[in-house]
Protein backbone atom coordinates (compact mmCIF):
# COMPACT_ATOMS: atom_id res chain seq x y z
CA MET A 1 129.97 49.93 276.56
CA ARG A 2 133.48 51.28 276.97
CA THR A 3 134.52 48.31 279.09
CA TYR A 4 133.18 45.92 276.45
CA LEU A 5 135.06 47.70 273.68
CA ARG A 6 138.31 47.66 275.62
CA ARG A 7 138.01 43.95 276.31
CA GLY A 8 137.18 43.28 272.65
CA LEU A 9 140.21 45.23 271.47
CA ALA A 10 142.47 43.51 273.97
CA GLY A 11 141.21 40.14 272.80
CA ALA A 12 141.78 41.02 269.17
CA VAL A 13 145.31 42.22 269.92
CA ALA A 14 146.03 39.01 271.82
CA VAL A 15 144.76 36.86 268.94
CA THR A 16 146.77 38.84 266.41
CA THR A 17 149.94 38.69 268.49
CA SER A 18 149.62 34.96 269.09
CA LEU A 19 149.01 34.18 265.44
CA ALA A 20 151.84 36.45 264.34
CA LEU A 21 154.20 34.53 266.62
CA LEU A 22 152.95 31.26 265.13
CA LEU A 23 153.70 32.55 261.65
CA ALA A 24 157.18 33.68 262.65
CA GLN A 25 158.43 30.35 264.02
CA PRO A 26 158.38 26.70 262.93
CA ALA A 27 155.43 24.82 264.37
CA PRO A 28 156.20 22.09 266.92
CA ALA A 29 155.58 18.57 265.68
CA THR A 30 152.59 18.22 268.01
CA ALA A 31 150.99 21.58 267.15
CA ALA A 32 147.82 21.87 265.09
CA PRO A 33 148.43 22.96 261.47
CA LEU A 34 148.39 26.73 261.14
CA ASP A 35 145.40 26.68 258.75
CA ASP A 36 143.42 24.77 261.40
CA VAL A 37 144.31 27.42 263.98
CA PHE A 38 143.33 30.28 261.70
CA ALA A 39 140.09 28.58 260.68
CA LYS A 40 139.07 27.88 264.26
CA VAL A 41 139.64 31.51 265.25
CA LEU A 42 137.83 33.05 262.27
CA VAL A 43 134.86 30.66 262.31
CA LYS A 44 134.28 31.52 265.96
CA GLN A 45 134.26 35.24 265.16
CA VAL A 46 132.03 35.11 262.08
CA THR A 47 128.35 34.58 262.86
CA GLY A 48 125.15 34.47 260.88
CA ALA A 49 123.66 36.99 263.29
CA ASN A 50 126.28 39.57 262.38
CA ALA A 51 125.91 38.80 258.67
CA LYS A 52 122.18 39.40 259.05
CA LYS A 53 122.92 42.89 260.37
CA HIS A 54 124.42 43.69 256.98
CA LEU A 55 121.33 42.26 255.30
CA THR A 56 119.15 44.50 257.44
CA ALA A 57 121.24 47.46 256.28
CA LEU A 58 120.86 46.42 252.63
CA GLN A 59 117.10 46.06 253.09
CA ALA A 60 116.97 49.59 254.55
CA ILE A 61 118.93 50.86 251.56
CA ALA A 62 116.47 49.23 249.16
CA ASP A 63 113.49 50.60 251.12
CA ALA A 64 114.90 54.10 250.82
CA ASN A 65 115.55 53.74 247.07
CA GLY A 66 112.44 52.42 245.40
CA GLY A 67 112.75 48.84 246.59
CA THR A 68 115.78 47.91 244.50
CA ARG A 69 119.58 47.83 244.54
CA ALA A 70 119.98 47.16 240.82
CA ALA A 71 122.90 48.37 238.69
CA GLY A 72 122.62 52.02 237.79
CA THR A 73 120.29 52.91 240.66
CA PRO A 74 120.81 54.97 243.82
CA GLY A 75 120.16 51.73 245.72
CA TYR A 76 123.24 50.12 244.21
CA ARG A 77 125.39 53.17 244.85
CA ALA A 78 124.29 53.25 248.50
CA SER A 79 125.05 49.52 248.81
CA ARG A 80 128.49 50.12 247.31
CA ASP A 81 129.20 52.96 249.73
CA TYR A 82 128.00 50.93 252.73
CA VAL A 83 130.37 48.06 251.93
CA ALA A 84 133.30 50.29 250.99
CA ASP A 85 132.99 52.34 254.18
CA LYS A 86 132.93 49.24 256.40
CA LEU A 87 136.03 47.85 254.70
CA ARG A 88 137.97 51.12 254.80
CA ARG A 89 137.27 51.47 258.51
CA ALA A 90 138.54 47.93 258.99
CA GLY A 91 141.87 48.89 257.43
CA TYR A 92 141.59 47.31 253.99
CA ARG A 93 143.00 48.89 250.85
CA VAL A 94 139.73 49.65 249.06
CA THR A 95 139.34 50.45 245.36
CA LEU A 96 136.17 51.45 243.52
CA ASP A 97 136.71 49.73 240.19
CA PRO A 98 134.62 51.33 237.39
CA ILE A 99 132.68 49.11 235.00
CA ASN A 100 130.15 49.79 232.24
CA PHE A 101 126.65 48.46 231.77
CA VAL A 102 123.73 49.20 229.46
CA GLN A 103 121.69 52.01 230.92
CA GLY A 104 119.39 52.37 227.92
CA TRP A 105 118.81 50.99 224.45
CA GLU A 106 116.26 51.91 221.82
CA GLU A 107 115.88 50.70 218.25
CA ASN A 108 115.12 53.67 216.03
CA ASN A 109 114.22 51.86 212.79
CA PRO A 110 113.74 48.25 211.68
CA PRO A 111 116.99 46.36 211.02
CA THR A 112 118.22 45.24 207.60
CA LEU A 113 119.54 41.83 206.59
CA GLU A 114 120.05 41.32 202.85
CA LEU A 115 121.89 38.79 200.73
CA THR A 116 123.66 41.04 198.21
CA ALA A 117 125.76 38.45 196.37
CA PRO A 118 125.44 36.09 194.70
CA GLY A 119 122.00 37.24 193.62
CA GLY A 120 119.94 39.31 196.02
CA LYS A 121 117.38 38.66 198.75
CA ALA A 122 115.94 40.78 201.58
CA TYR A 123 114.98 38.99 204.80
CA LEU A 124 112.01 40.19 206.86
CA PRO A 125 112.49 41.81 210.28
CA ASP A 126 110.49 40.20 213.13
CA GLN A 127 109.87 37.18 210.93
CA ASP A 128 113.18 35.99 209.53
CA PHE A 129 115.36 37.75 212.07
CA VAL A 130 115.32 40.16 215.03
CA THR A 131 117.87 42.56 216.47
CA PHE A 132 119.68 41.33 219.54
CA ALA A 133 119.20 43.95 222.25
CA PRO A 134 121.36 45.88 222.99
CA SER A 135 123.09 45.74 219.63
CA PRO A 136 125.31 48.70 218.79
CA ALA A 137 124.35 50.63 215.67
CA GLY A 138 126.16 49.73 212.48
CA ASP A 139 125.81 49.28 208.73
CA VAL A 140 128.18 46.75 207.21
CA THR A 141 128.35 44.80 203.95
CA ALA A 142 130.77 41.88 204.04
CA GLN A 143 131.22 38.23 203.26
CA VAL A 144 129.71 35.77 205.72
CA GLN A 145 131.98 33.19 207.35
CA ALA A 146 130.43 30.12 209.00
CA VAL A 147 131.75 29.21 212.45
CA ASP A 148 131.81 25.47 213.31
CA LEU A 149 128.22 24.76 212.22
CA THR A 150 126.35 21.47 212.59
CA LEU A 151 124.30 21.03 209.42
CA PRO A 152 122.00 19.25 209.21
CA PRO A 153 121.32 19.69 212.94
CA ALA A 154 121.64 16.70 215.24
CA PRO A 155 119.32 16.12 218.21
CA ALA A 156 119.74 18.85 220.81
CA PRO A 157 122.14 19.99 221.97
CA SER A 158 123.34 19.93 218.40
CA SER A 159 125.88 22.68 218.07
CA THR A 160 128.86 24.08 219.93
CA SER A 161 129.31 26.77 217.28
CA GLY A 162 131.20 29.76 218.65
CA CYS A 163 131.49 28.38 222.17
CA GLU A 164 135.29 28.20 222.07
CA THR A 165 137.84 30.68 220.82
CA ALA A 166 139.30 27.78 218.82
CA ASP A 167 136.10 27.79 216.73
CA PHE A 168 137.34 31.05 215.19
CA ALA A 169 140.71 29.71 214.07
CA GLY A 170 141.08 30.93 210.49
CA PHE A 171 138.31 33.50 210.83
CA VAL A 172 139.07 36.49 208.60
CA PRO A 173 138.71 39.76 210.54
CA GLY A 174 136.18 42.06 208.94
CA ARG A 175 133.83 39.30 207.86
CA ILE A 176 130.36 38.74 209.33
CA ALA A 177 130.33 35.75 211.69
CA LEU A 178 127.57 33.19 211.05
CA ILE A 179 127.04 31.24 214.27
CA GLN A 180 124.56 28.53 215.22
CA ARG A 181 122.67 28.54 218.52
CA GLY A 182 123.47 25.69 220.93
CA THR A 183 125.24 24.44 224.08
CA CYS A 184 126.67 27.66 225.51
CA ALA A 185 125.21 31.10 226.16
CA PHE A 186 124.55 33.55 223.33
CA VAL A 187 126.83 36.01 225.12
CA THR A 188 129.76 33.59 224.94
CA LYS A 189 129.36 33.21 221.19
CA ILE A 190 129.08 36.95 220.66
CA ARG A 191 132.08 37.77 222.85
CA ASN A 192 134.21 35.23 220.99
CA ALA A 193 133.12 36.66 217.62
CA GLY A 194 134.03 40.14 218.79
CA PHE A 195 137.49 39.00 219.89
CA ALA A 196 137.95 37.36 216.48
CA GLY A 197 137.36 40.69 214.69
CA ALA A 198 133.89 40.11 213.22
CA SER A 199 132.36 43.21 211.63
CA GLY A 200 128.85 41.88 212.28
CA ILE A 201 127.26 38.86 213.94
CA ILE A 202 124.39 36.63 212.83
CA VAL A 203 123.34 33.90 215.27
CA PHE A 204 120.70 31.55 213.87
CA ASN A 205 118.48 29.06 215.69
CA GLU A 206 119.57 25.43 215.94
CA GLY A 207 117.04 23.71 213.72
CA GLN A 208 115.39 21.10 215.94
CA PRO A 209 111.60 21.15 216.36
CA GLY A 210 110.67 24.14 218.47
CA ARG A 211 114.07 25.75 217.92
CA THR A 212 113.73 27.16 214.43
CA ASP A 213 112.41 30.72 214.70
CA PRO A 214 114.02 33.84 216.14
CA PHE A 215 112.60 35.58 219.18
CA PRO A 216 113.33 38.89 220.98
CA LEU A 217 116.19 38.60 223.44
CA ASP A 218 118.07 41.14 225.56
CA LEU A 219 121.62 39.92 226.11
CA GLY A 220 122.82 42.84 228.22
CA GLU A 221 125.99 42.56 226.10
CA TRP A 222 127.27 45.12 223.61
CA ARG A 223 131.06 44.91 223.82
CA ALA A 224 131.63 43.26 220.44
CA GLY A 225 130.87 46.77 219.17
CA VAL A 226 129.19 45.56 215.96
CA PRO A 227 125.60 45.05 214.75
CA MET A 228 124.20 41.68 215.79
CA VAL A 229 120.97 39.85 214.98
CA PHE A 230 119.24 36.55 215.76
CA ALA A 231 117.93 34.75 212.66
CA SER A 232 115.78 31.73 211.91
CA PHE A 233 117.34 28.37 211.13
CA ALA A 234 116.13 28.74 207.53
CA VAL A 235 118.07 31.98 207.09
CA GLY A 236 121.24 30.58 208.64
CA ASN A 237 121.02 27.39 206.67
CA GLU A 238 120.55 29.32 203.42
CA LEU A 239 123.49 31.64 204.05
CA ALA A 240 125.71 28.71 205.08
CA GLY A 241 124.81 26.89 201.86
CA THR A 242 125.54 29.84 199.58
CA PRO A 243 129.22 29.86 198.56
CA GLY A 244 130.78 33.29 199.00
CA ALA A 245 127.57 34.76 200.45
CA THR A 246 127.85 38.50 201.04
CA VAL A 247 125.25 40.30 203.14
CA ARG A 248 124.33 43.75 204.25
CA LEU A 249 123.62 43.95 207.99
CA LYS A 250 122.30 47.19 209.46
CA VAL A 251 121.08 48.09 212.94
CA ASP A 252 119.83 51.60 213.73
CA ALA A 253 119.73 51.93 217.51
CA THR A 254 120.73 54.26 220.33
CA LEU A 255 122.83 52.65 223.04
CA THR A 256 123.50 54.47 226.31
CA LEU A 257 126.10 53.16 228.74
CA GLY A 258 126.25 53.80 232.46
CA THR A 259 129.06 53.36 234.99
CA ASP A 260 129.00 51.50 238.28
CA HIS A 261 131.79 50.24 240.51
CA ASN A 262 133.02 46.95 241.84
CA VAL A 263 134.25 47.25 245.41
CA ILE A 264 137.69 45.62 245.67
CA ALA A 265 139.23 45.31 249.15
CA GLU A 266 142.68 43.83 249.72
CA THR A 267 144.59 42.92 252.86
CA ARG A 268 147.63 45.10 253.47
CA THR A 269 149.76 42.07 254.31
CA GLY A 270 150.32 38.72 252.65
CA ASN A 271 152.20 37.50 249.60
CA ALA A 272 151.14 39.74 246.70
CA LYS A 273 152.23 37.04 244.25
CA ASN A 274 149.80 34.53 245.75
CA VAL A 275 146.34 36.10 245.89
CA VAL A 276 143.22 34.44 247.27
CA MET A 277 140.14 36.09 245.77
CA VAL A 278 136.72 35.93 247.44
CA GLY A 279 133.72 37.34 245.57
CA ALA A 280 129.97 37.91 245.69
CA HIS A 281 127.81 40.15 243.56
CA LEU A 282 126.30 43.15 245.31
CA ASP A 283 123.57 44.21 242.88
CA SER A 284 119.96 43.04 242.81
CA VAL A 285 117.56 42.75 239.90
CA PRO A 286 115.40 45.85 239.28
CA GLU A 287 112.29 44.04 240.54
CA GLY A 288 113.39 43.72 244.17
CA PRO A 289 115.90 44.35 246.96
CA GLY A 290 117.84 41.11 246.36
CA ILE A 291 118.42 40.14 249.98
CA ASN A 292 119.04 36.46 249.28
CA ASP A 293 120.22 37.13 245.70
CA ASN A 294 122.77 38.25 246.53
CA GLY A 295 122.75 40.23 249.71
CA SER A 296 123.35 36.90 251.48
CA GLY A 297 126.67 36.17 249.78
CA ALA A 298 127.82 39.78 250.01
CA ALA A 299 126.93 40.02 253.71
CA ALA A 300 128.70 36.77 254.53
CA ILE A 301 131.97 37.71 252.82
CA LEU A 302 131.77 41.24 254.24
CA GLU A 303 131.50 39.88 257.77
CA THR A 304 134.34 37.45 257.06
CA ALA A 305 136.53 40.34 255.89
CA LEU A 306 135.68 42.49 258.90
CA GLN A 307 136.53 39.73 261.37
CA MET A 308 139.67 38.69 259.47
CA ARG A 309 141.18 42.16 259.78
CA HIS A 310 142.85 41.07 263.03
CA LEU A 311 144.53 38.00 261.52
CA PRO A 312 148.05 38.09 260.04
CA VAL A 313 147.77 36.33 256.69
CA ARG A 314 150.49 34.69 254.61
CA ASN A 315 148.72 35.16 251.29
CA LYS A 316 147.12 38.38 250.14
CA VAL A 317 143.35 38.11 250.33
CA ARG A 318 141.24 40.18 247.93
CA PHE A 319 137.50 40.57 248.52
CA ALA A 320 135.37 41.56 245.53
CA PHE A 321 131.80 42.87 245.61
CA TRP A 322 130.72 42.75 241.99
CA ALA A 323 128.57 45.31 240.22
CA ALA A 324 126.10 44.47 237.44
CA GLU A 325 126.14 40.70 237.78
CA GLU A 326 122.45 40.46 237.04
CA PRO A 327 122.70 42.02 233.53
CA GLY A 328 125.37 39.49 232.56
CA LEU A 329 128.34 39.11 234.95
CA LEU A 330 129.53 42.51 233.76
CA GLY A 331 131.45 43.51 236.88
CA SER A 332 133.51 40.34 237.20
CA ASP A 333 133.95 39.93 233.45
CA GLN A 334 135.32 43.43 232.94
CA TYR A 335 137.54 43.06 236.01
CA VAL A 336 139.14 39.84 234.76
CA GLU A 337 139.39 41.14 231.20
CA GLY A 338 141.24 44.20 232.48
CA LEU A 339 143.93 42.16 234.24
CA SER A 340 147.29 41.60 232.58
CA ALA A 341 148.53 38.04 232.14
CA ALA A 342 150.93 38.61 235.02
CA GLU A 343 148.13 39.82 237.30
CA LYS A 344 145.97 36.81 236.44
CA ASP A 345 148.89 34.52 237.23
CA LYS A 346 149.07 35.95 240.75
CA ILE A 347 145.50 34.86 241.53
CA ARG A 348 145.86 31.38 243.02
CA LEU A 349 142.13 30.71 243.31
CA TYR A 350 138.69 32.31 243.31
CA LEU A 351 135.88 31.57 245.78
CA ASN A 352 132.35 32.59 244.75
CA PHE A 353 129.33 32.93 247.06
CA ASP A 354 126.02 33.66 245.36
CA MET A 355 122.75 32.94 247.22
CA VAL A 356 123.82 31.24 250.46
CA ALA A 357 120.60 31.60 252.49
CA SER A 358 117.79 30.32 250.24
CA PRO A 359 114.60 29.62 252.25
CA ASN A 360 114.23 26.06 250.87
CA TYR A 361 117.97 25.54 250.81
CA ALA A 362 120.34 22.75 249.88
CA TYR A 363 124.05 22.95 250.55
CA LYS A 364 125.49 22.83 247.04
CA LEU A 365 129.22 22.94 246.36
CA TYR A 366 130.51 23.74 242.89
CA ASP A 367 131.60 20.49 241.28
CA GLY A 368 135.26 21.25 240.67
CA ASP A 369 136.15 17.75 239.46
CA ASP A 370 132.92 16.95 237.57
CA SER A 371 132.53 13.88 239.77
CA ASP A 372 128.98 13.30 238.55
CA ALA A 373 130.19 13.28 234.91
CA GLU A 374 127.09 15.25 233.95
CA GLY A 375 126.40 18.78 232.76
CA SER A 376 129.23 21.30 232.75
CA PRO A 377 132.84 20.11 232.75
CA ALA A 378 135.28 20.31 235.64
CA GLY A 379 136.84 23.63 236.58
CA PRO A 380 140.50 24.47 235.94
CA PRO A 381 143.09 22.37 237.80
CA GLY A 382 142.82 23.19 241.49
CA SER A 383 139.04 23.49 241.46
CA ALA A 384 138.69 19.92 242.75
CA GLN A 385 140.87 20.77 245.75
CA ILE A 386 138.71 23.80 246.54
CA GLU A 387 135.59 21.63 246.47
CA LYS A 388 137.31 19.06 248.69
CA GLN A 389 138.22 21.68 251.29
CA LEU A 390 134.69 23.09 251.39
CA ALA A 391 133.28 19.57 251.65
CA ALA A 392 135.56 18.84 254.59
CA PHE A 393 133.93 21.66 256.57
CA PHE A 394 130.44 20.21 256.09
CA ASP A 395 131.73 16.71 256.82
CA ARG A 396 133.27 17.81 260.12
CA ARG A 397 129.87 19.15 261.16
CA GLY A 398 128.05 16.07 259.97
CA LEU A 399 126.13 18.08 257.38
CA ALA A 400 125.13 16.72 253.98
CA HIS A 401 126.16 18.45 250.77
CA VAL A 402 125.68 17.87 247.05
CA GLY A 403 127.43 19.07 243.91
CA THR A 404 126.28 21.80 241.53
CA ASP A 405 127.59 22.54 238.06
CA PHE A 406 129.68 25.46 236.90
CA ASP A 407 126.80 26.45 234.60
CA GLY A 408 128.11 29.96 233.90
CA ARG A 409 125.37 31.78 235.81
CA SER A 410 127.57 33.48 238.39
CA ASP A 411 130.81 35.38 238.75
CA TYR A 412 133.12 32.37 238.76
CA GLY A 413 132.58 32.27 234.98
CA PRO A 414 135.21 34.82 233.91
CA PHE A 415 137.78 33.33 236.30
CA ILE A 416 137.25 29.81 234.97
CA ALA A 417 137.53 31.15 231.42
CA ALA A 418 140.90 32.63 232.39
CA GLY A 419 142.09 29.27 233.77
CA ILE A 420 141.87 30.29 237.44
CA PRO A 421 140.72 27.53 239.84
CA ALA A 422 137.32 28.28 241.37
CA GLY A 423 134.80 26.97 243.85
CA GLY A 424 132.08 28.08 246.21
CA ILE A 425 128.69 27.49 247.78
CA PHE A 426 125.18 27.88 246.38
CA THR A 427 121.86 27.11 248.10
CA GLY A 428 119.61 27.13 245.03
CA ALA A 429 117.54 29.59 243.00
CA GLU A 430 114.46 28.95 240.85
CA GLY A 431 115.22 25.23 240.51
CA VAL A 432 113.02 22.71 242.32
CA LYS A 433 114.19 20.75 245.36
CA THR A 434 114.21 17.01 244.79
CA PRO A 435 112.87 14.36 247.19
CA GLN A 436 116.44 13.20 247.73
CA GLU A 437 117.46 16.72 248.74
CA GLN A 438 114.48 16.97 251.06
CA ALA A 439 115.73 13.84 252.83
CA LEU A 440 119.19 15.40 253.18
CA PHE A 441 118.35 19.01 254.04
CA GLY A 442 114.72 19.16 255.07
CA GLY A 443 112.45 21.73 253.47
CA THR A 444 109.90 20.89 250.79
CA ALA A 445 110.42 18.78 247.69
CA GLY A 446 108.74 19.94 244.51
CA VAL A 447 109.12 23.59 245.49
CA ALA A 448 111.75 26.10 244.34
CA TYR A 449 114.78 26.60 246.54
CA ASP A 450 113.88 30.30 246.48
CA SER A 451 110.30 31.03 245.45
CA CYS A 452 111.09 34.76 245.55
CA TYR A 453 114.01 34.51 243.15
CA HIS A 454 114.27 37.75 241.14
CA GLN A 455 111.06 39.09 242.66
CA ALA A 456 110.00 41.92 244.94
CA CYS A 457 109.50 39.43 247.79
CA ASP A 458 113.26 38.71 248.03
CA THR A 459 113.37 40.69 251.26
CA ILE A 460 114.87 40.22 254.71
CA THR A 461 112.07 37.71 255.43
CA ASN A 462 113.20 35.54 252.50
CA ILE A 463 116.38 34.16 254.06
CA ASP A 464 116.92 31.02 256.11
CA ALA A 465 118.87 31.88 259.26
CA THR A 466 120.33 28.39 259.62
CA ALA A 467 121.68 28.32 256.08
CA LEU A 468 123.12 31.82 256.51
CA ASP A 469 124.85 30.88 259.77
CA VAL A 470 126.28 27.59 258.49
CA ASN A 471 127.47 29.07 255.22
CA ALA A 472 128.99 32.13 256.90
CA ASP A 473 131.06 29.70 258.96
CA ALA A 474 131.94 27.65 255.88
CA ILE A 475 133.08 30.80 254.10
CA ALA A 476 135.17 31.88 257.09
CA ASP A 477 136.71 28.41 257.28
CA SER A 478 137.73 28.28 253.62
CA VAL A 479 139.01 31.87 253.50
CA ALA A 480 141.07 31.41 256.67
CA ARG A 481 142.65 28.20 255.45
CA PHE A 482 143.59 29.54 252.02
CA ALA A 483 144.81 32.80 253.57
CA VAL A 484 147.69 30.88 255.14
CA ASN A 485 148.03 27.77 252.97
CA THR A 486 147.35 27.24 249.26
CA THR A 487 149.73 24.33 248.73
CA ALA A 488 146.82 22.00 247.85
CA VAL A 489 145.94 24.16 244.84
CA PRO A 490 148.33 23.64 241.92
């Protein structure tokens, strides 16, 4: 054992010394580009077998903590400590970044929604409207202001109401925002209303057949800090058609917040004004241990970080293990929101790895340039170059790959919203593999990419070793290249 360790250390020192010399002098005309050299070294060191050792550790943590690693549980805290300890021992500058999440919410009494002027009308809870969980408590009477409504509704998707901050241009702070369902997530609409200074929020259903009535919904989002309800299309349409409508909106609920931590680990060298961020969420859902979702992404970037500790980088590399992704991207969202404009400007790009070992996998790369012209739009400028670099890895190995939309379901969302280029790899969740994908990747068409998605069976037996190994190498390749060269990303 001692002989092996000495040889390993000597090899690491030799690699580090050689690469440091390469960085310090101009490369000969015939030499391989430095990013190729770095990538070759790191890909060789990062293996799926070593990443699986981290997954085994996360499974053991879940087994010892009620079968889960969800936000707010001892299983998450143990996962956090496991990752942080490994990174500290590897020499990274590690920060436990506190974030909040909803630990408990209870509605004490039925909510109130009343038109108080002109005239008067009381709407019925559980019929005309419901409280959005976890709405903060509040009792406000104010004029309603419609936000970019589509009335009468067009065929779905009919409305982009509240999806953009520009929708709130001219919104009067202190009024109650009246927003129509459609196109983007409820959370996006509510966050934008909160930023605009709404004193209360009413979201009403779109109005197409089957999308008229309210229904109970837990958003996991409370940060607007005001009472918020989901109403029927009839209620929204009536309020929108009543000039100067003033309503009373009351929610009586008890909201309890908890604190968890993102694990942020940064290289001690590299240009601090040119940061390459690499992220994966560390938490599971309460129902299971979350070994594919997202132990797989976390394990792969952890192993990449541990092996990269020997490499002298030109750009600062920052690894992020996000807390509370499952309740609503809370870890990454609060992290990005807490950055100053100057700090955001230093982040050259963000790489996201969420579910990289699905048992019925497809190699999906986030569609940075919207080349299929379908679904979500392209990412910020630079996202296309990230996709191109990831695609080049799979092309060199003769492996097929397909695009996947930035649909807002993972931690790239807050970075894209801040204008930071993003990209990454995804092997599929509850969606169904197509016959075309079966021809490209094998597996079974007509079956979910991960049949154990968000279930107790997402255990160590739920990962595909080939997908984990290939994607661990792809992650190492992209991180190594951007660690020394980001000139392709504007």
